[in-house]
């Protein structure tokens, strides 16, 4: 929930699609939330009324309108749709990339484009090597 601005219900679900735990995440919290024996986790807007013991049903793939992931705004409205393979950077990292991009465009020097590329790969490498932080499953 570190960079999340809206409260979410974090729903832990077992392999039989039974809700085993519901945790309401606090925006900005860095508290690690852990639950063992729950192979599935679903995050939805808070006050979802989903409760422990509920049995969930998912639509078959043929009834799903999209296989895209929706990124939500702070107010819960749709900000963008991701089709797969995209990366999302933190706002701080995005500001840094914009600064490097503007410099490269304004100077049109290879060295500035190289610096931008190196910074992008640095951020990608950091994402790929991060440990699981905010939702942690016990094995």
C-alpha atoms as a PDB file:
ATOM      1  CA  UNK A   1       0.000   0.000   0.000  1.00  0.00           C
ATOM      2  CA  UNK A   2       3.078   2.233   0.092  1.00  0.00           C
ATOM      3  CA  UNK A   3       2.286   4.188  -3.080  1.00  0.00           C
ATOM      4  CA  UNK A   4      -1.454   3.478  -3.091  1.00  0.00           C
ATOM      5  CA  UNK A   5      -3.693   6.494  -2.483  1.00  0.00           C
ATOM      6  CA  UNK A   6      -7.024   4.678  -2.015  1.00  0.00           C
ATOM      7  CA  UNK A   7      -7.991   2.075   0.610  1.00  0.00           C
ATOM      8  CA  UNK A   8      -8.233  -1.465  -0.758  1.00  0.00           C
ATOM      9  CA  UNK A   9      -9.624  -4.726   0.541  1.00  0.00           C
ATOM     10  CA  UNK A  10      -6.969  -7.409   0.135  1.00  0.00           C
ATOM     11  CA  UNK A  11      -8.807 -10.709  -0.265  1.00  0.00           C
ATOM     12  CA  UNK A  12      -6.957 -13.978   0.415  1.00  0.00           C
ATOM     13  CA  UNK A  13      -8.532 -16.935  -1.402  1.00  0.00           C
ATOM     14  CA  UNK A  14      -7.800 -20.663  -1.121  1.00  0.00           C
ATOM     15  CA  UNK A  15      -7.679 -23.125  -4.023  1.00  0.00           C
ATOM     16  CA  UNK A  16     -11.400 -23.903  -3.550  1.00  0.00           C
ATOM     17  CA  UNK A  17     -12.155 -20.191  -4.170  1.00  0.00           C
ATOM     18  CA  UNK A  18     -13.175 -19.653  -0.537  1.00  0.00           C
ATOM     19  CA  UNK A  19     -12.167 -16.354   1.080  1.00  0.00           C
ATOM     20  CA  UNK A  20      -9.828 -17.155   3.981  1.00  0.00           C
ATOM     21  CA  UNK A  21      -9.043 -13.608   5.109  1.00  0.00           C
ATOM     22  CA  UNK A  22      -9.962 -10.022   4.280  1.00  0.00           C
ATOM     23  CA  UNK A  23      -7.532  -7.269   5.172  1.00  0.00           C
ATOM     24  CA  UNK A  24      -8.330  -3.589   4.598  1.00  0.00           C
ATOM     25  CA  UNK A  25      -5.166  -1.911   3.402  1.00  0.00           C
ATOM     26  CA  UNK A  26      -4.400   1.578   4.632  1.00  0.00           C
ATOM     27  CA  UNK A  27      -3.214   4.028   1.933  1.00  0.00           C
ATOM     28  CA  UNK A  28       0.495   4.780   2.297  1.00  0.00           C
ATOM     29  CA  UNK A  29       1.100   1.954   4.792  1.00  0.00           C
ATOM     30  CA  UNK A  30       4.327  -0.037   4.515  1.00  0.00           C
ATOM     31  CA  UNK A  31       3.104  -2.785   6.860  1.00  0.00           C
ATOM     32  CA  UNK A  32       3.730  -6.245   5.412  1.00  0.00           C
ATOM     33  CA  UNK A  33       0.545  -8.261   5.100  1.00  0.00           C
ATOM     34  CA  UNK A  34       1.054 -12.018   5.163  1.00  0.00           C
ATOM     35  CA  UNK A  35      -1.246 -15.015   4.966  1.00  0.00           C
ATOM     36  CA  UNK A  36      -0.266 -18.627   4.537  1.00  0.00           C
ATOM     37  CA  UNK A  37      -2.130 -21.271   2.537  1.00  0.00           C
ATOM     38  CA  UNK A  38      -3.807 -18.743   0.211  1.00  0.00           C
ATOM     39  CA  UNK A  39      -2.560 -19.170  -3.351  1.00  0.00           C
ATOM     40  CA  UNK A  40      -4.793 -16.366  -4.672  1.00  0.00           C
ATOM     41  CA  UNK A  41      -4.970 -12.711  -3.677  1.00  0.00           C
ATOM     42  CA  UNK A  42      -7.500 -10.226  -4.999  1.00  0.00           C
ATOM     43  CA  UNK A  43      -7.366  -6.475  -4.404  1.00  0.00           C
ATOM     44  CA  UNK A  44     -10.616  -4.524  -4.715  1.00  0.00           C
ATOM     45  CA  UNK A  45     -11.886  -1.145  -3.554  1.00  0.00           C
ATOM     46  CA  UNK A  46     -12.441  -1.054   0.212  1.00  0.00           C
ATOM     47  CA  UNK A  47     -15.892  -1.751   1.670  1.00  0.00           C
ATOM     48  CA  UNK A  48     -16.294  -4.520  -0.911  1.00  0.00           C
ATOM     49  CA  UNK A  49     -18.555  -6.470   1.477  1.00  0.00           C
ATOM     50  CA  UNK A  50     -16.527  -9.578   0.677  1.00  0.00           C
ATOM     51  CA  UNK A  51     -16.046 -11.470   3.924  1.00  0.00           C
ATOM     52  CA  UNK A  52     -14.219 -14.500   5.258  1.00  0.00           C
ATOM     53  CA  UNK A  53     -16.002 -17.691   4.250  1.00  0.00           C
ATOM     54  CA  UNK A  54     -17.505 -16.250   1.038  1.00  0.00           C
ATOM     55  CA  UNK A  55     -17.216 -18.464  -2.009  1.00  0.00           C
ATOM     56  CA  UNK A  56     -16.103 -16.607  -5.107  1.00  0.00           C
ATOM     57  CA  UNK A  57     -17.084 -17.365  -8.659  1.00  0.00           C
ATOM     58  CA  UNK A  58     -15.110 -16.144 -11.639  1.00  0.00           C
ATOM     59  CA  UNK A  59     -16.534 -15.780 -15.135  1.00  0.00           C
ATOM     60  CA  UNK A  60     -15.218 -18.252 -17.696  1.00  0.00           C
ATOM     61  CA  UNK A  61     -12.726 -16.712 -20.103  1.00  0.00           C
ATOM     62  CA  UNK A  62     -15.312 -16.679 -22.902  1.00  0.00           C
ATOM     63  CA  UNK A  63     -17.437 -14.193 -20.902  1.00  0.00           C
ATOM     64  CA  UNK A  64     -14.603 -11.878 -19.947  1.00  0.00           C
ATOM     65  CA  UNK A  65     -14.721  -8.755 -22.110  1.00  0.00           C
ATOM     66  CA  UNK A  66     -11.027  -7.953 -21.870  1.00  0.00           C
ATOM     67  CA  UNK A  67      -7.775  -9.513 -20.801  1.00  0.00           C
ATOM     68  CA  UNK A  68      -6.395  -6.088 -19.984  1.00  0.00           C
ATOM     69  CA  UNK A  69      -5.362  -4.892 -16.552  1.00  0.00           C
ATOM     70  CA  UNK A  70      -6.931  -1.591 -15.513  1.00  0.00           C
ATOM     71  CA  UNK A  71      -4.848   0.972 -13.603  1.00  0.00           C
ATOM     72  CA  UNK A  72      -7.048   3.036 -11.306  1.00  0.00           C
ATOM     73  CA  UNK A  73      -6.870   6.729 -10.431  1.00  0.00           C
ATOM     74  CA  UNK A  74      -6.961   7.869  -6.809  1.00  0.00           C
ATOM     75  CA  UNK A  75     -10.765   8.222  -7.058  1.00  0.00           C
ATOM     76  CA  UNK A  76     -11.159   4.645  -8.373  1.00  0.00           C
ATOM     77  CA  UNK A  77     -11.854   5.610 -12.004  1.00  0.00           C
ATOM     78  CA  UNK A  78      -9.904   3.985 -14.831  1.00  0.00           C
ATOM     79  CA  UNK A  79      -6.602   5.679 -15.620  1.00  0.00           C
ATOM     80  CA  UNK A  80      -5.325   3.320 -18.317  1.00  0.00           C
ATOM     81  CA  UNK A  81      -5.511  -0.231 -19.591  1.00  0.00           C
ATOM     82  CA  UNK A  82      -2.471  -2.485 -19.848  1.00  0.00           C
ATOM     83  CA  UNK A  83      -2.403  -5.326 -22.343  1.00  0.00           C
ATOM     84  CA  UNK A  84       0.620  -7.129 -20.954  1.00  0.00           C
ATOM     85  CA  UNK A  85       4.336  -6.600 -20.811  1.00  0.00           C
ATOM     86  CA  UNK A  86       4.130  -2.940 -19.821  1.00  0.00           C
ATOM     87  CA  UNK A  87       6.002  -1.589 -16.824  1.00  0.00           C
ATOM     88  CA  UNK A  88       4.766   0.953 -14.307  1.00  0.00           C
ATOM     89  CA  UNK A  89       7.333   3.205 -12.648  1.00  0.00           C
ATOM     90  CA  UNK A  90       6.847   5.145  -9.445  1.00  0.00           C
ATOM     91  CA  UNK A  91       6.053   8.835  -9.785  1.00  0.00           C
ATOM     92  CA  UNK A  92       9.534   9.696  -8.510  1.00  0.00           C
ATOM     93  CA  UNK A  93      11.205   7.500 -11.142  1.00  0.00           C
ATOM     94  CA  UNK A  94       8.866   8.822 -13.841  1.00  0.00           C
ATOM     95  CA  UNK A  95       9.902  12.406 -13.000  1.00  0.00           C
ATOM     96  CA  UNK A  96      13.560  11.399 -13.322  1.00  0.00           C
ATOM     97  CA  UNK A  97      12.950   9.736 -16.701  1.00  0.00           C
ATOM     98  CA  UNK A  98      11.087  12.809 -17.959  1.00  0.00           C
ATOM     99  CA  UNK A  99      14.008  15.026 -16.881  1.00  0.00           C
ATOM    100  CA  UNK A 100      16.504  12.786 -18.732  1.00  0.00           C
ATOM    101  CA  UNK A 101      14.205  12.647 -21.798  1.00  0.00           C
ATOM    102  CA  UNK A 102      13.798  16.424 -21.974  1.00  0.00           C
ATOM    103  CA  UNK A 103      17.562  16.876 -21.752  1.00  0.00           C
ATOM    104  CA  UNK A 104      18.205  14.327 -24.510  1.00  0.00           C
ATOM    105  CA  UNK A 105      15.611  15.918 -26.791  1.00  0.00           C
ATOM    106  CA  UNK A 106      16.864  19.454 -26.187  1.00  0.00           C
ATOM    107  CA  UNK A 107      20.571  18.675 -26.680  1.00  0.00           C
ATOM    108  CA  UNK A 108      20.154  15.890 -29.238  1.00  0.00           C
ATOM    109  CA  UNK A 109      23.490  14.451 -28.012  1.00  0.00           C
ATOM    110  CA  UNK A 110      24.123  10.719 -28.118  1.00  0.00           C
ATOM    111  CA  UNK A 111      25.588  10.882 -24.608  1.00  0.00           C
ATOM    112  CA  UNK A 112      22.288  12.210 -23.213  1.00  0.00           C
ATOM    113  CA  UNK A 113      20.284   9.489 -24.989  1.00  0.00           C
ATOM    114  CA  UNK A 114      22.725   6.901 -23.630  1.00  0.00           C
ATOM    115  CA  UNK A 115      22.281   8.335 -20.107  1.00  0.00           C
ATOM    116  CA  UNK A 116      18.485   8.060 -20.523  1.00  0.00           C
ATOM    117  CA  UNK A 117      18.783   4.445 -21.677  1.00  0.00           C
ATOM    118  CA  UNK A 118      21.067   3.560 -18.784  1.00  0.00           C
ATOM    119  CA  UNK A 119      18.630   5.103 -16.296  1.00  0.00           C
ATOM    120  CA  UNK A 120      15.696   3.164 -17.790  1.00  0.00           C
ATOM    121  CA  UNK A 121      17.615  -0.116 -17.561  1.00  0.00           C
ATOM    122  CA  UNK A 122      18.655   0.728 -14.005  1.00  0.00           C
ATOM    123  CA  UNK A 123      14.990   1.131 -13.009  1.00  0.00           C
ATOM    124  CA  UNK A 124      13.987  -2.059 -14.867  1.00  0.00           C
ATOM    125  CA  UNK A 125      16.768  -4.021 -13.170  1.00  0.00           C
ATOM    126  CA  UNK A 126      15.673  -2.684  -9.764  1.00  0.00           C
ATOM    127  CA  UNK A 127      12.097  -3.845 -10.441  1.00  0.00           C
ATOM    128  CA  UNK A 128      13.274  -7.286 -11.553  1.00  0.00           C
ATOM    129  CA  UNK A 129      15.467  -7.764  -8.490  1.00  0.00           C
ATOM    130  CA  UNK A 130      13.057  -6.426  -5.837  1.00  0.00           C
ATOM    131  CA  UNK A 131      11.914  -8.841  -3.200  1.00  0.00           C
ATOM    132  CA  UNK A 132       8.189  -9.233  -2.620  1.00  0.00           C
ATOM    133  CA  UNK A 133       7.409  -6.402  -0.198  1.00  0.00           C
ATOM    134  CA  UNK A 134       3.841  -5.580   0.637  1.00  0.00           C
ATOM    135  CA  UNK A 135       1.874  -8.805   0.229  1.00  0.00           C
ATOM    136  CA  UNK A 136       3.862 -11.793   1.333  1.00  0.00           C
ATOM    137  CA  UNK A 137       2.800 -15.439   1.133  1.00  0.00           C
ATOM    138  CA  UNK A 138       4.270 -17.926   3.567  1.00  0.00           C
ATOM    139  CA  UNK A 139       5.317 -21.250   2.100  1.00  0.00           C
END
